[in-house]
N, C-alpha and C. Protein backbone atom coordinates (compact mmCIF):
# COMPACT_ATOMS: atom_id res chain seq x y z
N MET A 1 -11.14 0.17 4.53
CA MET A 1 -9.99 -0.32 5.24
C MET A 1 -8.85 -0.43 4.26
N LEU A 2 -7.68 -0.10 4.71
CA LEU A 2 -6.47 -0.19 3.90
C LEU A 2 -5.52 -1.18 4.56
N LEU A 3 -5.11 -2.18 3.79
CA LEU A 3 -4.14 -3.15 4.30
C LEU A 3 -2.74 -2.58 4.10
N THR A 4 -1.96 -2.59 5.18
CA THR A 4 -0.60 -2.06 5.15
C THR A 4 0.36 -3.12 5.68
N LYS A 5 1.63 -2.85 5.51
CA LYS A 5 2.68 -3.77 5.95
C LYS A 5 2.49 -5.16 5.34
N VAL A 6 2.09 -5.17 4.07
CA VAL A 6 1.85 -6.41 3.36
C VAL A 6 3.19 -7.03 2.96
N ASP A 7 3.39 -8.28 3.34
CA ASP A 7 4.60 -9.02 3.00
C ASP A 7 4.57 -9.34 1.51
N THR A 8 5.57 -8.90 0.79
CA THR A 8 5.60 -9.11 -0.65
C THR A 8 5.68 -10.59 -1.03
N ARG A 9 6.06 -11.42 -0.09
CA ARG A 9 6.14 -12.86 -0.35
C ARG A 9 4.80 -13.56 -0.13
N SER A 10 3.82 -12.83 0.39
CA SER A 10 2.53 -13.45 0.73
C SER A 10 1.35 -12.66 0.14
N LEU A 11 1.46 -12.30 -1.11
CA LEU A 11 0.39 -11.51 -1.74
C LEU A 11 -0.92 -12.30 -1.82
N GLY A 12 -0.82 -13.62 -1.94
CA GLY A 12 -2.03 -14.45 -1.96
C GLY A 12 -2.83 -14.31 -0.68
N GLU A 13 -2.15 -14.24 0.45
CA GLU A 13 -2.82 -14.05 1.74
C GLU A 13 -3.49 -12.68 1.81
N THR A 14 -2.87 -11.70 1.21
CA THR A 14 -3.45 -10.36 1.19
C THR A 14 -4.75 -10.35 0.40
N LEU A 15 -4.73 -10.98 -0.77
CA LEU A 15 -5.94 -11.04 -1.59
C LEU A 15 -7.04 -11.83 -0.87
N GLU A 16 -6.64 -12.86 -0.18
CA GLU A 16 -7.60 -13.66 0.60
C GLU A 16 -8.22 -12.81 1.72
N ALA A 17 -7.40 -12.03 2.39
CA ALA A 17 -7.90 -11.14 3.45
C ALA A 17 -8.86 -10.10 2.89
N GLN A 18 -8.51 -9.53 1.74
CA GLN A 18 -9.39 -8.55 1.10
C GLN A 18 -10.74 -9.18 0.77
N ASN A 19 -10.72 -10.38 0.19
CA ASN A 19 -11.96 -11.07 -0.16
C ASN A 19 -12.80 -11.38 1.07
N THR A 20 -12.16 -11.78 2.16
CA THR A 20 -12.88 -12.06 3.41
C THR A 20 -13.56 -10.80 3.92
N LEU A 21 -12.84 -9.69 3.91
CA LEU A 21 -13.43 -8.42 4.37
C LEU A 21 -14.62 -8.04 3.51
N ILE A 22 -14.50 -8.20 2.20
CA ILE A 22 -15.61 -7.88 1.30
C ILE A 22 -16.81 -8.75 1.62
N LYS A 23 -16.60 -10.05 1.83
CA LYS A 23 -17.70 -10.97 2.16
C LYS A 23 -18.38 -10.59 3.46
N LEU A 24 -17.61 -10.00 4.38
CA LEU A 24 -18.17 -9.57 5.67
C LEU A 24 -18.83 -8.19 5.58
N GLY A 25 -18.80 -7.60 4.39
CA GLY A 25 -19.41 -6.29 4.20
C GLY A 25 -18.57 -5.13 4.69
N ILE A 26 -17.29 -5.36 4.88
CA ILE A 26 -16.39 -4.31 5.34
C ILE A 26 -15.71 -3.69 4.12
N PRO A 27 -15.88 -2.39 3.93
CA PRO A 27 -15.23 -1.74 2.78
C PRO A 27 -13.71 -1.86 2.89
N VAL A 28 -13.08 -2.23 1.80
CA VAL A 28 -11.63 -2.40 1.78
C VAL A 28 -11.09 -1.87 0.46
N CYS A 29 -9.96 -1.22 0.53
CA CYS A 29 -9.31 -0.71 -0.68
C CYS A 29 -8.78 -1.89 -1.51
N ASN A 30 -8.81 -1.73 -2.82
CA ASN A 30 -8.19 -2.73 -3.68
C ASN A 30 -6.67 -2.61 -3.60
N ALA A 31 -6.20 -1.38 -3.48
CA ALA A 31 -4.75 -1.14 -3.35
C ALA A 31 -4.31 -1.45 -1.92
N PHE A 32 -3.03 -1.71 -1.77
CA PHE A 32 -2.48 -1.97 -0.43
C PHE A 32 -1.03 -1.50 -0.40
N ILE A 33 -0.49 -1.39 0.79
CA ILE A 33 0.88 -0.91 0.98
C ILE A 33 1.77 -2.08 1.37
N ARG A 34 2.72 -2.38 0.50
CA ARG A 34 3.67 -3.47 0.80
C ARG A 34 4.78 -2.96 1.71
N THR A 35 5.39 -3.87 2.44
CA THR A 35 6.49 -3.52 3.34
C THR A 35 7.81 -3.60 2.57
N TYR A 36 8.56 -2.51 2.64
CA TYR A 36 9.89 -2.47 2.03
C TYR A 36 10.85 -1.81 3.00
N LYS A 37 12.10 -2.20 2.93
CA LYS A 37 13.14 -1.53 3.71
C LYS A 37 13.20 -0.05 3.33
N ALA A 38 12.78 0.27 2.13
CA ALA A 38 12.79 1.65 1.65
C ALA A 38 12.01 2.56 2.60
N HIS A 39 10.91 2.05 3.17
CA HIS A 39 10.12 2.86 4.11
C HIS A 39 10.97 3.23 5.33
N GLU A 40 11.65 2.25 5.88
CA GLU A 40 12.50 2.49 7.06
C GLU A 40 13.63 3.45 6.73
N ARG A 41 14.27 3.20 5.61
CA ARG A 41 15.43 4.03 5.26
C ARG A 41 15.03 5.47 4.97
N ALA A 42 13.91 5.66 4.30
CA ALA A 42 13.44 7.02 4.03
C ALA A 42 13.14 7.74 5.35
N ALA A 43 12.49 7.03 6.27
CA ALA A 43 12.17 7.63 7.57
C ALA A 43 13.44 7.98 8.33
N LEU A 44 14.42 7.09 8.30
CA LEU A 44 15.68 7.37 9.00
C LEU A 44 16.41 8.58 8.42
N GLU A 45 16.23 8.79 7.12
CA GLU A 45 16.86 9.95 6.48
C GLU A 45 15.98 11.20 6.58
N GLY A 46 14.77 11.02 7.11
CA GLY A 46 13.88 12.16 7.30
C GLY A 46 13.25 12.68 6.02
N VAL A 47 13.06 11.77 5.05
CA VAL A 47 12.43 12.19 3.80
C VAL A 47 11.22 11.30 3.51
N ALA A 48 10.31 11.85 2.72
CA ALA A 48 9.15 11.07 2.28
C ALA A 48 9.61 10.00 1.30
N ILE A 49 8.84 8.94 1.20
CA ILE A 49 9.19 7.85 0.28
C ILE A 49 9.26 8.36 -1.16
N THR A 50 8.51 9.41 -1.47
CA THR A 50 8.53 9.98 -2.81
C THR A 50 9.85 10.69 -3.12
N GLN A 51 10.61 11.03 -2.08
CA GLN A 51 11.89 11.73 -2.26
C GLN A 51 13.09 10.81 -2.11
N TRP A 52 12.89 9.64 -1.52
CA TRP A 52 13.99 8.73 -1.26
C TRP A 52 14.36 7.99 -2.54
N ARG A 53 15.63 7.77 -2.75
CA ARG A 53 16.11 7.02 -3.91
C ARG A 53 16.91 5.83 -3.41
N GLY A 54 16.57 4.69 -3.91
CA GLY A 54 17.27 3.48 -3.52
C GLY A 54 16.44 2.28 -3.92
N LYS A 55 16.87 1.11 -3.49
CA LYS A 55 16.19 -0.14 -3.84
C LYS A 55 14.73 -0.12 -3.40
N ASN A 56 13.84 -0.45 -4.29
CA ASN A 56 12.40 -0.54 -4.08
C ASN A 56 11.72 0.80 -3.80
N ALA A 57 12.43 1.89 -4.00
CA ALA A 57 11.82 3.21 -3.77
C ALA A 57 10.64 3.43 -4.71
N LYS A 58 10.79 3.08 -5.97
CA LYS A 58 9.71 3.30 -6.94
C LYS A 58 8.50 2.42 -6.62
N GLU A 59 8.74 1.18 -6.21
CA GLU A 59 7.63 0.29 -5.87
C GLU A 59 6.88 0.81 -4.65
N ALA A 60 7.64 1.24 -3.64
CA ALA A 60 7.02 1.76 -2.42
C ALA A 60 6.20 3.01 -2.72
N GLU A 61 6.75 3.89 -3.53
CA GLU A 61 6.02 5.10 -3.90
C GLU A 61 4.77 4.76 -4.70
N SER A 62 4.88 3.80 -5.61
CA SER A 62 3.72 3.46 -6.45
C SER A 62 2.57 2.89 -5.62
N ASP A 63 2.87 2.19 -4.53
CA ASP A 63 1.80 1.69 -3.65
C ASP A 63 0.97 2.85 -3.11
N TYR A 64 1.64 3.89 -2.63
CA TYR A 64 0.93 5.04 -2.08
C TYR A 64 0.17 5.78 -3.17
N ARG A 65 0.74 5.86 -4.35
CA ARG A 65 0.04 6.53 -5.46
C ARG A 65 -1.22 5.77 -5.85
N ARG A 66 -1.16 4.43 -5.86
CA ARG A 66 -2.36 3.63 -6.18
C ARG A 66 -3.46 3.85 -5.15
N VAL A 67 -3.08 3.91 -3.89
CA VAL A 67 -4.06 4.17 -2.83
C VAL A 67 -4.68 5.55 -3.03
N ALA A 68 -3.85 6.56 -3.28
CA ALA A 68 -4.36 7.93 -3.48
C ALA A 68 -5.30 7.99 -4.68
N GLU A 69 -4.94 7.34 -5.77
CA GLU A 69 -5.80 7.33 -6.97
C GLU A 69 -7.12 6.65 -6.68
N GLU A 70 -7.09 5.56 -5.94
CA GLU A 70 -8.32 4.84 -5.61
C GLU A 70 -9.23 5.72 -4.74
N LEU A 71 -8.65 6.37 -3.76
CA LEU A 71 -9.44 7.25 -2.89
C LEU A 71 -10.04 8.41 -3.67
N GLN A 72 -9.28 8.98 -4.57
CA GLN A 72 -9.79 10.08 -5.38
C GLN A 72 -10.94 9.63 -6.27
N ARG A 73 -10.83 8.42 -6.86
CA ARG A 73 -11.93 7.89 -7.67
C ARG A 73 -13.18 7.72 -6.83
N ASP A 74 -13.03 7.18 -5.61
CA ASP A 74 -14.18 6.95 -4.74
C ASP A 74 -14.83 8.26 -4.30
N TRP A 75 -14.04 9.30 -4.06
CA TRP A 75 -14.58 10.59 -3.64
C TRP A 75 -15.38 11.24 -4.74
N ARG A 76 -15.00 10.98 -5.99
CA ARG A 76 -15.69 11.59 -7.12
C ARG A 76 -17.06 10.98 -7.38
N LYS A 77 -17.30 9.80 -6.84
CA LYS A 77 -18.59 9.12 -7.07
C LYS A 77 -19.72 9.78 -6.36
């Protein structure tokens, strides 16, 4: 499971949710996707977050890269 639309002001709640899922035996990614206006603005401009430049663009892109790296590590196992 991948947690998305994570409020950057409530990261503690996100970690708590991840721990609860793990305790319930539900596989969950360590990485997650935070919510940024950058996502909306990139979509409105019709570009991927990796191509958009503006406030929080690098942070938004890095979230997706962390997820991709985690998935690739898991596939290699």
